[in-house]
Amino acid sequence: MPNTALRLILSAFLMLSLVEGVSLFSTFKAAYAAESKLGKVTGLPIPRFVTLRSSKVNARTGPALRYPIQWVYKRDNLPVEVTAEFDAWRQIRDMDGSISWVHSSLLSGQRMGLIHNIDGEMETAPAYKKADSQSRRVLALENAALGEIKKCDMRYCQLDFKAYRGWVEKKYIWGIYPDEVIE
């Protein structure tokens, strides 16, 4: 009889250890997953949007000067998405989905929005006085119009186009995530 009691106690202890071990492993796995969403070099979120700092940016096939230039971007403040980090280099993805590497000194944290995704029926994307399509329309934005993102709610972003400012639906903007809010 004493052996049976000891066996039960050991079995219960073993089961508890296994459950606790699984729980500990799950916690570790969740912490690792959350950590893997931050860049190992900067500690900033991956992916994230940034902008090109210069009107001439060499995009390379790999993260070093020894890699060939894939193409040259010729528009400053163009929003791109950082998808990876390696040393002083950032892997970026542009609006067309092209992936390349650029030196971090050629990138800025400024948030810009590029107008795109205009339907075939529409020639322009509307910008409103307020974050509401029932509000007064203040601008008609053509494809590739570039504005500074001032703030965003879940559906609209307020963009500044030098002398003009308006609220644009996120579906027309490259440079912001659908669920991203900027205060």
N, C-alpha and C. Protein backbone atom coordinates (compact mmCIF):
# COMPACT_ATOMS: atom_id res chain seq x y z
N MET A 1 0.80 -1.20 0.00
CA MET A 1 0.00 0.00 0.00
C MET A 1 0.84 1.27 0.00
N PRO A 2 1.91 1.32 0.82
CA PRO A 2 2.73 2.52 0.81
C PRO A 2 3.34 2.78 -0.57
N ASN A 3 3.68 1.71 -1.31
CA ASN A 3 4.22 1.87 -2.67
C ASN A 3 3.22 2.55 -3.59
N THR A 4 1.95 2.21 -3.45
CA THR A 4 0.90 2.79 -4.28
C THR A 4 0.77 4.29 -4.01
N ALA A 5 0.81 4.67 -2.75
CA ALA A 5 0.71 6.09 -2.39
C ALA A 5 1.90 6.86 -2.94
N LEU A 6 3.08 6.27 -2.81
CA LEU A 6 4.29 6.91 -3.33
C LEU A 6 4.21 7.06 -4.84
N ARG A 7 3.72 6.00 -5.51
CA ARG A 7 3.56 6.05 -6.97
C ARG A 7 2.59 7.16 -7.38
N LEU A 8 1.48 7.28 -6.65
CA LEU A 8 0.50 8.33 -6.95
C LEU A 8 1.09 9.72 -6.78
N ILE A 9 1.83 9.89 -5.71
CA ILE A 9 2.47 11.19 -5.45
C ILE A 9 3.49 11.50 -6.54
N LEU A 10 4.31 10.52 -6.88
CA LEU A 10 5.30 10.74 -7.95
C LEU A 10 4.63 11.01 -9.29
N SER A 11 3.55 10.28 -9.58
CA SER A 11 2.83 10.49 -10.84
C SER A 11 2.25 11.90 -10.89
N ALA A 12 1.66 12.32 -9.77
CA ALA A 12 1.08 13.67 -9.72
C ALA A 12 2.18 14.72 -9.90
N PHE A 13 3.32 14.51 -9.24
CA PHE A 13 4.44 15.43 -9.36
C PHE A 13 4.95 15.48 -10.80
N LEU A 14 5.06 14.31 -11.43
CA LEU A 14 5.52 14.23 -12.82
C LEU A 14 4.55 14.95 -13.76
N MET A 15 3.26 14.73 -13.57
CA MET A 15 2.25 15.39 -14.41
C MET A 15 2.31 16.90 -14.24
N LEU A 16 2.45 17.35 -12.99
CA LEU A 16 2.53 18.78 -12.72
C LEU A 16 3.79 19.37 -13.36
N SER A 17 4.89 18.64 -13.28
CA SER A 17 6.14 19.10 -13.90
C SER A 17 5.99 19.22 -15.41
N LEU A 18 5.34 18.22 -16.02
CA LEU A 18 5.13 18.27 -17.47
C LEU A 18 4.26 19.44 -17.87
N VAL A 19 3.16 19.64 -17.14
CA VAL A 19 2.26 20.76 -17.45
C VAL A 19 3.00 22.08 -17.27
N GLU A 20 3.73 22.21 -16.18
CA GLU A 20 4.49 23.43 -15.92
C GLU A 20 5.56 23.63 -16.98
N GLY A 21 6.20 22.53 -17.39
CA GLY A 21 7.22 22.62 -18.45
C GLY A 21 6.63 23.09 -19.76
N VAL A 22 5.46 22.57 -20.12
CA VAL A 22 4.77 23.01 -21.34
C VAL A 22 4.42 24.48 -21.23
N SER A 23 3.93 24.88 -20.05
CA SER A 23 3.57 26.28 -19.83
C SER A 23 4.80 27.18 -19.95
N LEU A 24 5.89 26.76 -19.35
CA LEU A 24 7.14 27.51 -19.43
C LEU A 24 7.63 27.59 -20.87
N PHE A 25 7.55 26.49 -21.61
CA PHE A 25 7.95 26.47 -23.02
C PHE A 25 7.08 27.41 -23.84
N SER A 26 5.77 27.41 -23.58
CA SER A 26 4.85 28.30 -24.30
C SER A 26 5.19 29.75 -24.02
N THR A 27 5.49 30.07 -22.77
CA THR A 27 5.86 31.44 -22.41
C THR A 27 7.13 31.84 -23.13
N PHE A 28 8.12 30.96 -23.14
CA PHE A 28 9.38 31.23 -23.83
C PHE A 28 9.14 31.44 -25.32
N LYS A 29 8.31 30.57 -25.91
CA LYS A 29 8.01 30.67 -27.34
C LYS A 29 7.32 32.00 -27.66
N ALA A 30 6.38 32.41 -26.83
CA ALA A 30 5.67 33.68 -27.05
C ALA A 30 6.63 34.85 -26.91
N ALA A 31 7.50 34.80 -25.91
CA ALA A 31 8.47 35.88 -25.72
C ALA A 31 9.42 35.95 -26.91
N TYR A 32 9.85 34.81 -27.42
CA TYR A 32 10.75 34.78 -28.57
C TYR A 32 10.05 35.33 -29.81
N ALA A 33 8.78 34.97 -30.00
CA ALA A 33 8.03 35.45 -31.16
C ALA A 33 7.90 36.97 -31.11
N ALA A 34 7.60 37.50 -29.91
CA ALA A 34 7.46 38.95 -29.78
C ALA A 34 8.80 39.63 -30.04
N GLU A 35 9.88 39.02 -29.54
CA GLU A 35 11.20 39.59 -29.72
C GLU A 35 11.65 39.53 -31.17
N SER A 36 11.24 38.52 -31.91
CA SER A 36 11.69 38.37 -33.29
C SER A 36 11.06 39.41 -34.20
N LYS A 37 10.07 40.18 -33.70
CA LYS A 37 9.46 41.23 -34.49
C LYS A 37 10.20 42.55 -34.35
N LEU A 38 11.28 42.55 -33.60
CA LEU A 38 12.10 43.75 -33.46
C LEU A 38 13.42 43.53 -34.18
N GLY A 39 13.91 44.58 -34.83
CA GLY A 39 15.18 44.49 -35.54
C GLY A 39 16.31 44.22 -34.56
N LYS A 40 17.22 43.34 -34.94
CA LYS A 40 18.34 42.98 -34.06
C LYS A 40 19.36 44.11 -33.96
N VAL A 41 19.38 45.00 -34.95
CA VAL A 41 20.34 46.11 -34.95
C VAL A 41 19.75 47.33 -34.25
N THR A 42 18.55 47.72 -34.62
CA THR A 42 17.95 48.96 -34.11
C THR A 42 17.00 48.75 -32.95
N GLY A 43 16.44 47.56 -32.82
CA GLY A 43 15.42 47.33 -31.81
C GLY A 43 14.06 47.89 -32.20
N LEU A 44 13.96 48.38 -33.43
CA LEU A 44 12.70 48.92 -33.94
C LEU A 44 11.87 47.80 -34.57
N PRO A 45 10.57 48.01 -34.70
CA PRO A 45 9.71 46.97 -35.27
C PRO A 45 10.09 46.59 -36.70
N ILE A 46 9.95 45.31 -37.01
CA ILE A 46 10.13 44.78 -38.36
C ILE A 46 8.84 44.05 -38.69
N PRO A 47 8.15 44.38 -39.75
CA PRO A 47 8.45 45.43 -40.71
C PRO A 47 8.00 46.80 -40.19
N ARG A 48 8.50 47.86 -40.83
CA ARG A 48 8.10 49.23 -40.53
C ARG A 48 8.30 50.08 -41.77
N PHE A 49 7.60 51.19 -41.84
CA PHE A 49 7.76 52.11 -42.96
C PHE A 49 8.75 53.21 -42.61
N VAL A 50 9.58 53.55 -43.58
CA VAL A 50 10.52 54.66 -43.50
C VAL A 50 10.47 55.37 -44.86
N THR A 51 11.30 56.39 -45.03
CA THR A 51 11.36 57.07 -46.33
C THR A 51 12.80 57.18 -46.81
N LEU A 52 12.95 57.31 -48.12
CA LEU A 52 14.27 57.53 -48.70
C LEU A 52 14.69 58.96 -48.41
N ARG A 53 15.91 59.13 -47.93
CA ARG A 53 16.41 60.44 -47.51
C ARG A 53 16.93 61.28 -48.67
N SER A 54 17.23 60.66 -49.78
CA SER A 54 17.89 61.35 -50.89
C SER A 54 17.14 61.13 -52.20
N SER A 55 17.40 62.00 -53.17
CA SER A 55 16.76 61.84 -54.49
C SER A 55 17.54 60.86 -55.37
N LYS A 56 18.64 60.32 -54.83
CA LYS A 56 19.38 59.27 -55.54
C LYS A 56 19.83 58.23 -54.51
N VAL A 57 19.18 57.07 -54.55
CA VAL A 57 19.50 55.99 -53.60
C VAL A 57 19.79 54.72 -54.39
N ASN A 58 21.00 54.20 -54.20
CA ASN A 58 21.38 52.94 -54.85
C ASN A 58 20.80 51.77 -54.07
N ALA A 59 20.04 50.95 -54.76
CA ALA A 59 19.45 49.75 -54.17
C ALA A 59 20.27 48.56 -54.62
N ARG A 60 20.79 47.80 -53.67
CA ARG A 60 21.72 46.71 -53.98
C ARG A 60 21.08 45.34 -53.79
N THR A 61 21.74 44.34 -54.36
CA THR A 61 21.23 42.96 -54.26
C THR A 61 21.54 42.33 -52.91
N GLY A 62 22.45 42.92 -52.14
CA GLY A 62 22.82 42.39 -50.84
C GLY A 62 23.27 43.50 -49.91
N PRO A 63 23.52 43.18 -48.64
CA PRO A 63 23.82 44.19 -47.63
C PRO A 63 25.30 44.58 -47.52
N ALA A 64 25.88 45.07 -48.60
CA ALA A 64 27.26 45.57 -48.58
C ALA A 64 27.56 46.27 -49.90
N LEU A 65 28.59 47.10 -49.91
CA LEU A 65 28.96 47.81 -51.14
C LEU A 65 29.45 46.86 -52.23
N ARG A 66 29.91 45.69 -51.85
CA ARG A 66 30.42 44.74 -52.85
C ARG A 66 29.30 44.14 -53.71
N TYR A 67 28.06 44.24 -53.24
CA TYR A 67 26.93 43.72 -54.02
C TYR A 67 26.57 44.71 -55.12
N PRO A 68 26.18 44.19 -56.28
CA PRO A 68 25.86 45.09 -57.40
C PRO A 68 24.60 45.92 -57.14
N ILE A 69 24.57 47.08 -57.78
CA ILE A 69 23.40 47.95 -57.72
C ILE A 69 22.31 47.32 -58.58
N GLN A 70 21.16 47.11 -57.97
CA GLN A 70 20.03 46.50 -58.65
C GLN A 70 19.28 47.57 -59.45
N TRP A 71 19.05 48.71 -58.83
CA TRP A 71 18.46 49.87 -59.48
C TRP A 71 18.70 51.09 -58.62
N VAL A 72 18.35 52.27 -59.14
CA VAL A 72 18.54 53.53 -58.43
C VAL A 72 17.18 54.20 -58.25
N TYR A 73 16.85 54.51 -57.00
CA TYR A 73 15.63 55.28 -56.73
C TYR A 73 15.97 56.75 -56.95
N LYS A 74 15.07 57.47 -57.61
CA LYS A 74 15.35 58.87 -57.93
C LYS A 74 14.27 59.81 -57.39
N ARG A 75 13.70 59.47 -56.26
CA ARG A 75 12.68 60.34 -55.66
C ARG A 75 12.87 60.33 -54.15
N ASP A 76 13.20 61.48 -53.60
CA ASP A 76 13.37 61.53 -52.15
C ASP A 76 12.01 61.50 -51.46
N ASN A 77 12.03 61.13 -50.21
CA ASN A 77 10.83 60.99 -49.37
C ASN A 77 9.89 59.87 -49.81
N LEU A 78 10.36 59.00 -50.67
CA LEU A 78 9.54 57.88 -51.13
C LEU A 78 9.39 56.88 -49.97
N PRO A 79 8.17 56.49 -49.62
CA PRO A 79 8.01 55.51 -48.54
C PRO A 79 8.41 54.10 -48.99
N VAL A 80 9.15 53.42 -48.13
CA VAL A 80 9.54 52.02 -48.36
C VAL A 80 9.36 51.28 -47.04
N GLU A 81 9.28 49.97 -47.12
CA GLU A 81 9.07 49.15 -45.94
C GLU A 81 10.35 48.41 -45.59
N VAL A 82 10.85 48.58 -44.38
CA VAL A 82 12.02 47.83 -43.90
C VAL A 82 11.54 46.44 -43.52
N THR A 83 12.15 45.41 -44.14
CA THR A 83 11.74 44.03 -43.88
C THR A 83 12.82 43.22 -43.16
N ALA A 84 14.06 43.76 -43.10
CA ALA A 84 15.15 43.08 -42.40
C ALA A 84 16.27 44.08 -42.13
N GLU A 85 17.14 43.72 -41.19
CA GLU A 85 18.30 44.54 -40.85
C GLU A 85 19.54 43.67 -40.83
N PHE A 86 20.63 44.23 -41.32
CA PHE A 86 21.92 43.56 -41.21
C PHE A 86 22.98 44.65 -41.10
N ASP A 87 23.62 44.74 -39.95
CA ASP A 87 24.64 45.75 -39.71
C ASP A 87 24.06 47.13 -40.02
N ALA A 88 24.69 47.90 -40.89
CA ALA A 88 24.19 49.25 -41.24
C ALA A 88 23.27 49.22 -42.46
N TRP A 89 22.84 48.04 -42.86
CA TRP A 89 22.02 47.90 -44.07
C TRP A 89 20.60 47.50 -43.72
N ARG A 90 19.67 47.98 -44.53
CA ARG A 90 18.26 47.63 -44.34
C ARG A 90 17.71 47.04 -45.63
N GLN A 91 17.05 45.91 -45.49
CA GLN A 91 16.36 45.33 -46.65
C GLN A 91 15.03 46.07 -46.75
N ILE A 92 14.72 46.56 -47.95
CA ILE A 92 13.48 47.32 -48.13
C ILE A 92 12.62 46.70 -49.22
N ARG A 93 11.34 47.01 -49.12
CA ARG A 93 10.38 46.62 -50.15
C ARG A 93 9.66 47.89 -50.57
N ASP A 94 9.59 48.11 -51.89
CA ASP A 94 8.90 49.31 -52.36
C ASP A 94 7.45 49.00 -52.70
N MET A 95 6.73 50.00 -53.18
CA MET A 95 5.30 49.85 -53.46
C MET A 95 5.03 48.77 -54.50
N ASP A 96 5.98 48.55 -55.40
CA ASP A 96 5.80 47.54 -56.45
C ASP A 96 6.15 46.13 -55.98
N GLY A 97 6.66 46.02 -54.74
CA GLY A 97 7.01 44.72 -54.19
C GLY A 97 8.47 44.33 -54.42
N SER A 98 9.24 45.22 -55.05
CA SER A 98 10.66 44.95 -55.29
C SER A 98 11.44 45.01 -53.98
N ILE A 99 12.34 44.04 -53.80
CA ILE A 99 13.12 43.96 -52.57
C ILE A 99 14.59 44.19 -52.88
N SER A 100 15.23 45.03 -52.06
CA SER A 100 16.65 45.33 -52.24
C SER A 100 17.23 45.77 -50.90
N TRP A 101 18.52 46.09 -50.90
CA TRP A 101 19.20 46.54 -49.69
C TRP A 101 19.72 47.96 -49.90
N VAL A 102 19.54 48.82 -48.88
CA VAL A 102 20.10 50.17 -48.92
C VAL A 102 20.79 50.45 -47.59
N HIS A 103 21.75 51.37 -47.62
CA HIS A 103 22.45 51.74 -46.40
C HIS A 103 21.52 52.56 -45.52
N SER A 104 21.59 52.33 -44.23
CA SER A 104 20.67 53.00 -43.29
C SER A 104 20.79 54.52 -43.31
N SER A 105 21.96 55.05 -43.70
CA SER A 105 22.14 56.50 -43.75
C SER A 105 21.28 57.15 -44.84
N LEU A 106 20.76 56.34 -45.76
CA LEU A 106 19.93 56.85 -46.85
C LEU A 106 18.44 56.75 -46.53
N LEU A 107 18.13 56.40 -45.28
CA LEU A 107 16.73 56.26 -44.86
C LEU A 107 16.41 57.24 -43.74
N SER A 108 15.16 57.65 -43.68
CA SER A 108 14.68 58.56 -42.65
C SER A 108 13.45 57.96 -41.98
N GLY A 109 13.26 58.28 -40.73
CA GLY A 109 12.09 57.81 -40.00
C GLY A 109 10.84 58.63 -40.29
N GLN A 110 10.98 59.69 -41.09
CA GLN A 110 9.81 60.51 -41.43
C GLN A 110 8.76 59.66 -42.14
N ARG A 111 7.50 59.87 -41.81
CA ARG A 111 6.42 59.08 -42.41
C ARG A 111 5.78 59.85 -43.55
N MET A 112 5.85 59.27 -44.73
CA MET A 112 5.24 59.84 -45.92
C MET A 112 4.25 58.84 -46.49
N GLY A 113 3.25 59.35 -47.18
CA GLY A 113 2.26 58.50 -47.81
C GLY A 113 2.22 58.77 -49.31
N LEU A 114 2.24 57.70 -50.09
CA LEU A 114 2.19 57.79 -51.55
C LEU A 114 0.81 57.34 -51.99
N ILE A 115 0.14 58.17 -52.77
CA ILE A 115 -1.21 57.85 -53.23
C ILE A 115 -1.13 56.81 -54.34
N HIS A 116 -1.94 55.76 -54.20
CA HIS A 116 -1.99 54.69 -55.20
C HIS A 116 -3.33 53.96 -55.06
N ASN A 117 -3.51 52.89 -55.78
CA ASN A 117 -4.73 52.07 -55.71
C ASN A 117 -5.99 52.81 -56.13
N ILE A 118 -5.85 53.79 -56.99
CA ILE A 118 -7.03 54.51 -57.45
C ILE A 118 -7.78 53.60 -58.41
N ASP A 119 -9.09 53.42 -58.17
CA ASP A 119 -9.92 52.53 -59.00
C ASP A 119 -9.89 52.96 -60.46
N GLY A 120 -10.22 52.04 -61.34
CA GLY A 120 -10.28 52.33 -62.77
C GLY A 120 -11.31 53.41 -63.10
N GLU A 121 -12.38 53.48 -62.31
CA GLU A 121 -13.43 54.47 -62.56
C GLU A 121 -13.02 55.86 -62.07
N MET A 122 -12.15 55.91 -61.08
CA MET A 122 -11.74 57.20 -60.51
C MET A 122 -10.39 57.60 -61.07
N GLU A 123 -10.21 58.86 -61.33
CA GLU A 123 -8.91 59.35 -61.78
C GLU A 123 -8.13 59.93 -60.62
N THR A 124 -8.83 60.23 -59.52
CA THR A 124 -8.19 60.82 -58.36
C THR A 124 -8.73 60.17 -57.09
N ALA A 125 -7.96 60.34 -56.02
CA ALA A 125 -8.40 59.89 -54.69
C ALA A 125 -8.85 61.13 -53.92
N PRO A 126 -9.99 61.07 -53.27
CA PRO A 126 -10.48 62.24 -52.55
C PRO A 126 -9.78 62.44 -51.21
N ALA A 127 -9.55 63.70 -50.86
CA ALA A 127 -9.07 64.07 -49.53
C ALA A 127 -10.14 64.98 -48.92
N TYR A 128 -10.45 64.73 -47.67
CA TYR A 128 -11.56 65.43 -47.01
C TYR A 128 -11.05 66.35 -45.91
N LYS A 129 -11.88 67.33 -45.55
CA LYS A 129 -11.54 68.27 -44.48
C LYS A 129 -11.44 67.53 -43.13
N LYS A 130 -12.30 66.55 -42.92
CA LYS A 130 -12.30 65.74 -41.70
C LYS A 130 -12.18 64.27 -42.07
N ALA A 131 -11.94 63.43 -41.08
CA ALA A 131 -11.80 61.98 -41.31
C ALA A 131 -13.17 61.36 -41.49
N ASP A 132 -13.86 61.79 -42.56
CA ASP A 132 -15.22 61.34 -42.80
C ASP A 132 -15.56 61.63 -44.27
N SER A 133 -16.04 60.63 -44.99
CA SER A 133 -16.35 60.82 -46.41
C SER A 133 -17.55 61.74 -46.62
N GLN A 134 -18.30 62.05 -45.57
CA GLN A 134 -19.41 63.01 -45.66
C GLN A 134 -18.92 64.45 -45.47
N SER A 135 -17.67 64.58 -45.08
CA SER A 135 -17.07 65.90 -44.89
C SER A 135 -16.79 66.55 -46.25
N ARG A 136 -16.49 67.84 -46.24
CA ARG A 136 -16.19 68.56 -47.48
C ARG A 136 -14.91 68.01 -48.12
N ARG A 137 -14.96 67.79 -49.42
CA ARG A 137 -13.79 67.33 -50.18
C ARG A 137 -12.89 68.53 -50.45
N VAL A 138 -11.62 68.43 -50.02
CA VAL A 138 -10.70 69.56 -50.16
C VAL A 138 -9.64 69.36 -51.23
N LEU A 139 -9.37 68.11 -51.60
CA LEU A 139 -8.35 67.82 -52.61
C LEU A 139 -8.78 66.64 -53.47
N ALA A 140 -8.27 66.63 -54.70
CA ALA A 140 -8.40 65.47 -55.59
C ALA A 140 -6.98 65.05 -55.91
N LEU A 141 -6.54 63.93 -55.37
CA LEU A 141 -5.13 63.51 -55.45
C LEU A 141 -4.91 62.52 -56.57
N GLU A 142 -3.90 62.79 -57.39
CA GLU A 142 -3.55 61.89 -58.48
C GLU A 142 -2.65 60.78 -57.97
N ASN A 143 -2.57 59.71 -58.74
CA ASN A 143 -1.64 58.62 -58.43
C ASN A 143 -0.24 59.19 -58.26
N ALA A 144 0.51 58.70 -57.29
CA ALA A 144 1.89 59.06 -57.01
C ALA A 144 2.04 60.40 -56.30
N ALA A 145 0.93 61.04 -55.89
CA ALA A 145 1.05 62.24 -55.05
C ALA A 145 1.68 61.80 -53.73
N LEU A 146 2.56 62.64 -53.19
CA LEU A 146 3.32 62.30 -52.00
C LEU A 146 3.06 63.33 -50.91
N GLY A 147 2.60 62.88 -49.76
CA GLY A 147 2.33 63.78 -48.65
C GLY A 147 2.86 63.24 -47.34
N GLU A 148 3.12 64.16 -46.42
CA GLU A 148 3.61 63.76 -45.09
C GLU A 148 2.43 63.29 -44.24
N ILE A 149 2.58 62.13 -43.63
CA ILE A 149 1.54 61.60 -42.75
C ILE A 149 1.62 62.33 -41.41
N LYS A 150 0.54 63.00 -41.05
CA LYS A 150 0.48 63.73 -39.78
C LYS A 150 -0.14 62.89 -38.68
N LYS A 151 -1.27 62.26 -38.98
CA LYS A 151 -1.92 61.36 -38.01
C LYS A 151 -2.86 60.44 -38.76
N CYS A 152 -3.17 59.31 -38.11
CA CYS A 152 -4.06 58.31 -38.72
C CYS A 152 -4.96 57.71 -37.65
N ASP A 153 -6.21 57.47 -38.04
CA ASP A 153 -7.08 56.67 -37.20
C ASP A 153 -7.19 55.31 -37.88
N MET A 154 -8.19 54.53 -37.56
CA MET A 154 -8.27 53.18 -38.15
C MET A 154 -8.65 53.19 -39.63
N ARG A 155 -9.22 54.29 -40.13
CA ARG A 155 -9.66 54.30 -41.53
C ARG A 155 -9.01 55.38 -42.39
N TYR A 156 -8.68 56.52 -41.80
CA TYR A 156 -8.16 57.66 -42.55
C TYR A 156 -6.81 58.13 -42.01
N CYS A 157 -6.06 58.80 -42.90
CA CYS A 157 -4.82 59.47 -42.48
C CYS A 157 -4.90 60.93 -42.92
N GLN A 158 -4.39 61.80 -42.06
CA GLN A 158 -4.28 63.20 -42.44
C GLN A 158 -2.92 63.38 -43.09
N LEU A 159 -2.93 63.81 -44.35
CA LEU A 159 -1.70 64.02 -45.10
C LEU A 159 -1.50 65.50 -45.36
N ASP A 160 -0.24 65.93 -45.30
CA ASP A 160 0.13 67.31 -45.56
C ASP A 160 0.86 67.36 -46.90
N PHE A 161 0.30 68.10 -47.85
CA PHE A 161 0.89 68.27 -49.18
C PHE A 161 1.37 69.71 -49.31
N LYS A 162 2.40 70.08 -48.57
CA LYS A 162 2.95 71.43 -48.50
C LYS A 162 1.87 72.46 -48.16
N ALA A 163 1.20 73.05 -49.13
CA ALA A 163 0.22 74.11 -48.86
C ALA A 163 -1.16 73.57 -48.52
N TYR A 164 -1.38 72.29 -48.70
CA TYR A 164 -2.71 71.71 -48.50
C TYR A 164 -2.65 70.54 -47.52
N ARG A 165 -3.78 70.31 -46.87
CA ARG A 165 -3.87 69.20 -45.93
C ARG A 165 -5.25 68.58 -46.04
N GLY A 166 -5.32 67.25 -45.98
CA GLY A 166 -6.62 66.59 -46.04
C GLY A 166 -6.55 65.17 -45.51
N TRP A 167 -7.72 64.61 -45.23
CA TRP A 167 -7.85 63.25 -44.73
C TRP A 167 -8.15 62.31 -45.90
N VAL A 168 -7.33 61.26 -46.03
CA VAL A 168 -7.43 60.32 -47.15
C VAL A 168 -7.65 58.92 -46.58
N GLU A 169 -8.51 58.15 -47.23
CA GLU A 169 -8.72 56.76 -46.80
C GLU A 169 -7.42 55.98 -46.94
N LYS A 170 -7.13 55.14 -45.97
CA LYS A 170 -5.90 54.35 -45.98
C LYS A 170 -5.76 53.47 -47.21
N LYS A 171 -6.86 53.03 -47.77
CA LYS A 171 -6.78 52.14 -48.93
C LYS A 171 -6.08 52.80 -50.12
N TYR A 172 -5.95 54.12 -50.11
CA TYR A 172 -5.27 54.84 -51.19
C TYR A 172 -3.82 55.19 -50.86
N ILE A 173 -3.34 54.76 -49.70
CA ILE A 173 -2.02 55.22 -49.23
C ILE A 173 -1.04 54.06 -49.11
N TRP A 174 0.13 54.18 -49.74
CA TRP A 174 1.25 53.28 -49.49
C TRP A 174 2.15 54.01 -48.50
N GLY A 175 2.41 53.37 -47.35
CA GLY A 175 3.26 53.97 -46.34
C GLY A 175 2.65 53.88 -44.95
N ILE A 176 1.52 53.18 -44.85
CA ILE A 176 0.83 53.00 -43.57
C ILE A 176 0.19 51.61 -43.57
N TYR A 177 0.19 50.96 -42.43
CA TYR A 177 -0.46 49.65 -42.32
C TYR A 177 -1.95 49.85 -42.05
N PRO A 178 -2.79 48.92 -42.49
CA PRO A 178 -4.24 49.06 -42.32
C PRO A 178 -4.69 49.26 -40.87
N ASP A 179 -4.02 48.60 -39.93
CA ASP A 179 -4.43 48.71 -38.52
C ASP A 179 -3.56 49.67 -37.71
N GLU A 180 -2.70 50.43 -38.38
CA GLU A 180 -1.79 51.35 -37.69
C GLU A 180 -2.49 52.67 -37.37
N VAL A 181 -2.27 53.15 -36.16
CA VAL A 181 -2.81 54.44 -35.72
C VAL A 181 -1.63 55.34 -35.37
N ILE A 182 -1.65 56.57 -35.86
CA ILE A 182 -0.60 57.55 -35.54
C ILE A 182 -1.29 58.74 -34.89
N GLU A 183 -0.86 59.06 -33.68
CA GLU A 183 -1.46 60.19 -32.93
C GLU A 183 -0.77 61.48 -33.27
